């Protein structure tokens, strides 16, 4: 779906941004870390950088504080070529931060510092100042809905995009410690479904979107072991019935599965195998997937090939130390798949 007028941008991404401090002592317990590397992160921020490196013209709508961390984030994005001129600086709020330990293959203790953070202060006026209706796709993250005024601003942006014929993409982005009650996450996500064309999420995130019983959540500070139990196939059917025409299920090393709802109500399931690699750090791999998928989708590659490109981007980033700073370029990902059977 495209906007009625010729779009000025490929994508607008809305949501959090941060300085990411990643342990340089890979394999060490968190209490034994001696130094950190400083990168830029935040799910929609990562996707905007990933899309830009692949060749999309990407806009980021986040917010930063009037602080050196905000300078750090904006400087990186500007050098990457992401459109940053619509990013407000919020007086009285702080740019956010993330601290991560790296103990591969499956332990990545993560701590968010997002109290009074700038990006959760995004308002409707910030949306109105951003060319949401002049893009081919508007993408937002589920964490946007955790607090006001970001919640209302995000839903307003999705409404604005939808009414203008701009495709709306939701990255479910379930972060339990950003919600006062995990059931509230499900309520918020379900409230947005009528505005969404494509949903992207893991099995745990998809189950969380239908969550009504907190006893089914096993949450920790690790990005890798928050579990939300449930019947994922039933959850996918329920989410598609709420309005989206496709749900992209990220399955890690197993690749991705695209569930497409046809006009007659039937659902087609399309398998997109992954590219097995040795894991260094899983944080950011899902955002790299989203960037690759959106690039393929906007180039008319079809569901499977688009998801395969997403898998390849995710596989590259999972071998790296950080997120946004390590998103692959178009040439890098094409070289990667060329040695692994291509995208078909």
Protein backbone atom coordinates (compact mmCIF):
# COMPACT_ATOMS: atom_id res chain seq x y z
CA UNK A 1 0.00 0.00 0.00
CA UNK A 2 1.42 3.42 -0.91
CA UNK A 3 0.40 6.96 -0.07
CA UNK A 4 -1.72 8.89 -2.57
CA UNK A 5 1.12 11.31 -3.36
CA UNK A 6 4.66 10.32 -4.25
CA UNK A 7 6.36 9.53 -0.91
CA UNK A 8 9.41 11.56 0.06
CA UNK A 9 10.85 8.83 2.32
CA UNK A 10 10.89 5.05 2.40
CA UNK A 11 10.32 4.59 6.13
CA UNK A 12 9.59 6.52 9.31
CA UNK A 13 10.55 4.73 12.54
CA UNK A 14 9.17 5.84 15.91
CA UNK A 15 10.35 4.89 19.38
CA UNK A 16 13.24 4.59 21.73
CA UNK A 17 16.90 5.48 21.34
CA UNK A 18 19.77 5.04 23.76
CA UNK A 19 23.46 4.89 24.41
CA UNK A 20 24.31 1.19 24.72
CA UNK A 21 27.18 0.16 26.99
CA UNK A 22 28.24 -3.38 26.08
CA UNK A 23 30.68 -5.44 28.09
CA UNK A 24 34.13 -5.75 26.58
CA UNK A 25 34.75 -8.74 28.82
CA UNK A 26 32.90 -11.35 26.80
CA UNK A 27 32.11 -14.40 28.88
CA UNK A 28 32.63 -12.65 32.22
CA UNK A 29 29.87 -12.52 34.82
CA UNK A 30 28.29 -9.07 35.11
CA UNK A 31 29.93 -8.40 38.48
CA UNK A 32 33.36 -9.02 36.91
CA UNK A 33 33.03 -6.63 33.96
CA UNK A 34 35.92 -4.16 33.82
CA UNK A 35 35.02 -2.04 30.77
CA UNK A 36 32.27 -1.30 28.28
CA UNK A 37 32.10 -0.19 24.65
CA UNK A 38 29.71 2.66 23.82
CA UNK A 39 27.29 2.22 20.91
CA UNK A 40 23.87 3.49 19.86
CA UNK A 41 20.73 1.38 20.28
CA UNK A 42 16.98 1.22 20.76
CA UNK A 43 14.79 -0.96 18.55
CA UNK A 44 13.35 1.61 16.08
CA UNK A 45 16.72 3.39 16.04
CA UNK A 46 18.49 0.16 15.12
CA UNK A 47 15.97 -0.56 12.37
CA UNK A 48 16.35 2.94 10.93
CA UNK A 49 20.14 2.52 10.77
CA UNK A 50 19.85 -1.00 9.36
CA UNK A 51 17.46 0.17 6.66
CA UNK A 52 19.68 3.13 5.80
CA UNK A 53 22.78 0.95 5.45
CA UNK A 54 20.88 -1.30 3.06
CA UNK A 55 19.86 1.69 0.96
CA UNK A 56 16.51 2.91 2.27
CA UNK A 57 15.81 6.58 2.91
CA UNK A 58 14.91 6.37 6.61
CA UNK A 59 13.52 8.91 9.08
CA UNK A 60 13.76 8.46 12.85
CA UNK A 61 11.25 9.96 15.27
CA UNK A 62 12.71 9.55 18.72
CA UNK A 63 13.64 12.14 21.36
CA UNK A 64 16.79 12.86 23.31
CA UNK A 65 17.59 15.04 26.27
CA UNK A 66 19.58 18.24 26.26
CA UNK A 67 22.62 16.28 27.39
CA UNK A 68 25.90 14.84 26.03
CA UNK A 69 24.27 11.42 25.55
CA UNK A 70 21.78 13.03 23.19
CA UNK A 71 24.71 14.60 21.32
CA UNK A 72 26.33 11.16 21.07
CA UNK A 73 23.19 9.54 19.64
CA UNK A 74 22.46 12.31 17.13
CA UNK A 75 26.07 12.51 15.96
CA UNK A 76 26.09 8.79 15.14
CA UNK A 77 22.75 8.91 13.33
CA UNK A 78 23.75 11.94 11.27
CA UNK A 79 26.94 10.25 10.15
CA UNK A 80 24.87 7.21 9.14
CA UNK A 81 22.62 9.33 6.95
CA UNK A 82 19.43 8.70 8.92
CA UNK A 83 17.13 11.74 8.75
CA UNK A 84 17.32 13.27 12.25
CA UNK A 85 15.88 16.77 11.74
CA UNK A 86 12.51 15.77 13.21
CA UNK A 87 14.01 14.48 16.48
CA UNK A 88 13.13 16.84 19.37
CA UNK A 89 15.26 17.48 22.42
CA UNK A 90 13.20 17.34 25.60
CA UNK A 91 14.09 19.77 28.40
CA UNK A 92 13.92 18.14 31.81
CA UNK A 93 14.24 14.62 30.39
CA UNK A 94 17.29 12.41 29.92
CA UNK A 95 18.49 10.42 26.93
CA UNK A 96 18.21 6.77 27.89
CA UNK A 97 20.90 4.15 28.40
CA UNK A 98 21.28 0.38 28.31
CA UNK A 99 23.98 -1.73 29.97
CA UNK A 100 24.60 -5.28 28.74
CA UNK A 101 26.70 -8.21 29.85
CA UNK A 102 27.75 -10.73 27.22
CA UNK A 103 27.96 -14.39 28.21
CA UNK A 104 27.26 -16.34 25.03
CA UNK A 105 25.56 -18.40 23.83
CA UNK A 106 22.48 -17.76 25.96
CA UNK A 107 23.12 -15.33 28.81
CA UNK A 108 22.96 -11.58 28.16
CA UNK A 109 22.01 -9.71 31.37
CA UNK A 110 20.46 -6.40 30.39
CA UNK A 111 19.63 -3.31 32.43
CA UNK A 112 17.58 -0.38 31.06
CA UNK A 113 17.97 3.17 32.42
CA UNK A 114 14.77 4.81 31.19
CA UNK A 115 13.35 6.72 34.13
CA UNK A 116 12.08 10.06 32.82
CA UNK A 117 13.62 9.23 29.45
CA UNK A 118 13.24 11.65 26.56
CA UNK A 119 11.73 9.29 23.96
CA UNK A 120 8.77 8.47 26.21
CA UNK A 121 8.04 12.21 26.16
CA UNK A 122 7.15 12.21 22.46
CA UNK A 123 3.88 14.07 21.94
CA UNK A 124 1.26 14.45 19.23
CA UNK A 125 2.83 17.75 18.16
CA UNK A 126 6.11 15.91 17.54
CA UNK A 127 4.24 13.52 15.24
CA UNK A 128 2.61 16.40 13.38
CA UNK A 129 6.06 17.91 12.79
CA UNK A 130 7.29 14.63 11.22
CA UNK A 131 6.50 13.51 7.63
CA UNK A 132 4.65 10.37 8.68
CA UNK A 133 2.28 10.67 5.70
CA UNK A 134 5.17 11.21 3.27
CA UNK A 135 6.67 7.74 3.73
CA UNK A 136 5.93 4.36 2.23
CA UNK A 137 6.00 2.67 5.64
CA UNK A 138 5.54 3.81 9.24
CA UNK A 139 7.09 1.47 11.82
CA UNK A 140 6.76 1.63 15.60
CA UNK A 141 7.65 -0.47 18.62
CA UNK A 142 5.40 -1.92 21.31
CA UNK A 143 7.44 -0.27 24.07
CA UNK A 144 6.16 3.10 22.79
CA UNK A 145 2.78 2.23 24.29
CA UNK A 146 4.02 1.70 27.85
CA UNK A 147 3.58 5.29 29.05
CA UNK A 148 1.99 8.61 28.17
CA UNK A 149 2.45 10.83 26.24
CA UNK A 150 4.30 8.40 23.95
CA UNK A 151 1.33 6.01 23.89
CA UNK A 152 -1.15 8.53 22.50
CA UNK A 153 1.42 10.05 20.16
CA UNK A 154 2.23 6.63 18.68
CA UNK A 155 -1.41 5.66 18.18
CA UNK A 156 -2.01 9.07 16.62
CA UNK A 157 0.91 8.54 14.24
CA UNK A 158 -0.40 5.11 13.26
CA UNK A 159 -3.86 6.59 12.62
CA UNK A 160 -2.33 9.38 10.57
CA UNK A 161 -0.32 6.92 8.50
CA UNK A 162 -3.23 4.55 8.02
CA UNK A 163 -5.56 7.31 6.88
CA UNK A 164 -2.94 8.48 4.35
CA UNK A 165 -2.51 5.01 2.87
CA UNK A 166 0.93 4.50 4.44
CA UNK A 167 1.67 0.91 5.44
CA UNK A 168 1.91 0.49 9.22
CA UNK A 169 4.37 -2.02 10.71
CA UNK A 170 4.49 -2.97 14.40
CA UNK A 171 7.55 -4.55 15.98
CA UNK A 172 5.99 -6.13 19.09
CA UNK A 173 9.11 -5.42 21.19
CA UNK A 174 8.05 -6.91 24.55
CA UNK A 175 10.24 -5.62 27.39
CA UNK A 176 8.53 -6.79 30.63
CA UNK A 177 10.41 -4.42 32.94
CA UNK A 178 9.09 -1.41 31.01
CA UNK A 179 5.49 -2.19 32.02
CA UNK A 180 3.79 -1.86 35.40
CA UNK A 181 1.85 -5.07 34.60
CA UNK A 182 2.60 -7.43 31.68
CA UNK A 183 -1.15 -7.77 31.07
CA UNK A 184 -1.19 -4.04 30.29
CA UNK A 185 1.22 -4.77 27.44
CA UNK A 186 -1.31 -7.13 25.87
CA UNK A 187 -4.12 -4.61 26.27
CA UNK A 188 -2.05 -1.88 24.62
CA UNK A 189 -0.89 -4.05 21.71
CA UNK A 190 -4.40 -5.32 21.03
CA UNK A 191 -5.70 -1.76 21.00
CA UNK A 192 -3.30 -0.96 18.15
CA UNK A 193 -4.06 -3.98 15.95
CA UNK A 194 -6.80 -2.23 13.96
CA UNK A 195 -4.17 0.24 12.70
CA UNK A 196 -1.47 -2.28 11.77
CA UNK A 197 -0.77 -3.94 8.40
CA UNK A 198 2.23 -6.09 9.35
CA UNK A 199 3.28 -7.41 12.78
CA UNK A 200 6.82 -8.59 13.53
CA UNK A 201 7.56 -10.55 16.69
CA UNK A 202 9.05 -13.61 18.38
CA UNK A 203 6.95 -16.45 19.79
CA UNK A 204 7.22 -14.99 23.30
CA UNK A 205 6.24 -11.53 22.08
CA UNK A 206 3.27 -12.86 20.13
CA UNK A 207 2.05 -14.77 23.18
CA UNK A 208 2.58 -11.67 25.34
CA UNK A 209 0.31 -9.67 23.04
CA UNK A 210 -2.54 -12.00 24.02
CA UNK A 211 -1.51 -12.25 27.66
CA UNK A 212 -4.24 -12.18 30.31
CA UNK A 213 -2.57 -14.23 33.06
CA UNK A 214 0.66 -12.91 34.62
CA UNK A 215 1.49 -16.37 35.99
CA UNK A 216 2.47 -17.35 32.45
CA UNK A 217 5.35 -14.86 32.35
CA UNK A 218 8.85 -15.78 33.50
CA UNK A 219 10.72 -12.49 33.21
CA UNK A 220 14.31 -11.67 34.10
CA UNK A 221 16.78 -8.96 33.15
CA UNK A 222 18.18 -11.16 30.37
CA UNK A 223 17.17 -10.47 26.79
CA UNK A 224 17.27 -14.18 26.04
CA UNK A 225 15.21 -15.95 28.67
CA UNK A 226 11.94 -14.09 29.21
CA UNK A 227 9.34 -16.76 28.48
CA UNK A 228 5.65 -16.25 27.85
CA UNK A 229 3.82 -19.54 27.68
CA UNK A 230 0.85 -20.10 25.40
CA UNK A 231 -0.42 -21.51 22.14
CA UNK A 232 1.46 -19.36 19.64
CA UNK A 233 -0.57 -20.60 16.66
CA UNK A 234 -3.81 -19.62 18.39
CA UNK A 235 -2.29 -16.25 19.30
CA UNK A 236 -1.27 -15.66 15.67
CA UNK A 237 -4.78 -16.48 14.45
CA UNK A 238 -6.25 -14.11 17.02
CA UNK A 239 -3.90 -11.28 16.09
CA UNK A 240 -4.56 -11.64 12.36
CA UNK A 241 -8.29 -11.59 13.05
CA UNK A 242 -7.84 -8.14 14.63
CA UNK A 243 -6.81 -6.59 11.31
CA UNK A 244 -3.21 -7.11 10.17
CA UNK A 245 -2.74 -8.80 6.81
CA UNK A 246 0.53 -10.47 7.78
CA UNK A 247 2.40 -11.55 10.88
CA UNK A 248 6.13 -12.25 10.64
CA UNK A 249 7.22 -14.72 13.31
CA UNK A 250 10.94 -14.46 14.11
CA UNK A 251 12.33 -17.88 15.04
CA UNK A 252 16.02 -17.21 15.71
CA UNK A 253 18.33 -19.78 14.16
CA UNK A 254 15.30 -21.47 12.59
CA UNK A 255 14.62 -18.42 10.43
CA UNK A 256 11.19 -16.88 10.11
CA UNK A 257 7.63 -17.86 9.35
CA UNK A 258 5.29 -15.42 7.59
CA UNK A 259 1.56 -15.84 8.25
CA UNK A 260 -0.45 -14.09 5.53
CA UNK A 261 -4.18 -13.48 5.85
CA UNK A 262 -5.98 -13.57 2.51
CA UNK A 263 -9.18 -11.62 1.73
CA UNK A 264 -11.27 -14.80 1.99
CA UNK A 265 -10.12 -15.26 5.59
CA UNK A 266 -7.74 -18.13 4.89
CA UNK A 267 -4.15 -18.02 6.14
CA UNK A 268 -1.04 -18.99 4.23
CA UNK A 269 2.14 -19.89 6.09
CA UNK A 270 5.43 -19.19 4.32
CA UNK A 271 8.67 -20.66 5.66
CA UNK A 272 11.92 -18.70 5.35
CA UNK A 273 14.91 -20.74 6.57
CA UNK A 274 17.65 -19.08 8.54
CA UNK A 275 21.44 -18.94 8.25
CA UNK A 276 23.05 -20.74 11.20
CA UNK A 277 26.05 -18.92 12.68
CA UNK A 278 27.99 -18.90 15.93
CA UNK A 279 26.31 -16.54 18.42
CA UNK A 280 28.30 -13.69 19.95
CA UNK A 281 25.48 -11.37 21.07
CA UNK A 282 21.78 -11.75 20.30
CA UNK A 283 20.79 -8.17 21.11
CA UNK A 284 19.94 -6.28 17.92
CA UNK A 285 19.57 -9.32 15.70
CA UNK A 286 15.79 -8.96 15.61
CA UNK A 287 16.11 -5.30 14.61
CA UNK A 288 18.54 -6.25 11.83
CA UNK A 289 15.94 -8.80 10.70
CA UNK A 290 13.26 -6.08 10.58
CA UNK A 291 15.52 -3.78 8.54
CA UNK A 292 16.29 -6.50 6.03
CA UNK A 293 12.68 -7.62 5.81
CA UNK A 294 11.45 -4.07 5.21
CA UNK A 295 14.09 -3.49 2.53
CA UNK A 296 12.98 -6.59 0.64
CA UNK A 297 9.30 -5.86 1.17
CA UNK A 298 9.57 -2.30 -0.10
CA UNK A 299 11.42 -3.59 -3.16
CA UNK A 300 8.61 -6.03 -3.94
CA UNK A 301 10.61 -9.17 -3.25
CA UNK A 302 7.73 -11.16 -1.81
CA UNK A 303 7.27 -12.53 1.71
CA UNK A 304 9.78 -15.38 1.60
CA UNK A 305 12.68 -13.59 -0.03
CA UNK A 306 12.15 -10.52 2.17
CA UNK A 307 12.20 -12.69 5.29
CA UNK A 308 15.29 -14.51 4.02
CA UNK A 309 17.09 -11.18 3.69
CA UNK A 310 15.95 -10.35 7.22
CA UNK A 311 17.34 -13.67 8.43
CA UNK A 312 20.68 -12.93 6.77
CA UNK A 313 20.92 -9.47 8.37
CA UNK A 314 20.05 -10.95 11.76
CA UNK A 315 22.62 -13.72 11.34
CA UNK A 316 25.34 -11.17 10.63
CA UNK A 317 24.51 -9.00 13.64
CA UNK A 318 24.28 -11.94 16.03
CA UNK A 319 28.01 -12.51 15.39
CA UNK A 320 28.86 -8.91 16.32
CA UNK A 321 29.44 -6.99 19.55
CA UNK A 322 26.65 -4.39 19.28
CA UNK A 323 23.48 -3.32 17.48
CA UNK A 324 23.16 -0.20 15.31
CA UNK A 325 26.91 0.17 14.83
CA UNK A 326 27.13 -3.29 13.28
CA UNK A 327 24.15 -3.36 10.93
CA UNK A 328 25.28 -4.75 7.55
CA UNK A 329 25.42 -2.80 4.33
CA UNK A 330 23.73 -4.08 1.17
CA UNK A 331 27.08 -5.30 -0.21
CA UNK A 332 27.97 -7.05 3.04
CA UNK A 333 24.71 -8.98 3.29
CA UNK A 334 24.79 -9.94 -0.38
CA UNK A 335 28.32 -11.30 0.05
CA UNK A 336 27.14 -13.20 3.15
CA UNK A 337 24.24 -14.94 1.37
CA UNK A 338 26.28 -15.61 -1.78
CA UNK A 339 28.37 -18.08 0.19
CA UNK A 340 25.33 -19.71 1.77
CA UNK A 341 23.03 -20.57 -1.09
CA UNK A 342 21.63 -17.11 -1.75
CA UNK A 343 18.14 -15.85 -0.82
CA UNK A 344 16.06 -18.42 -2.75
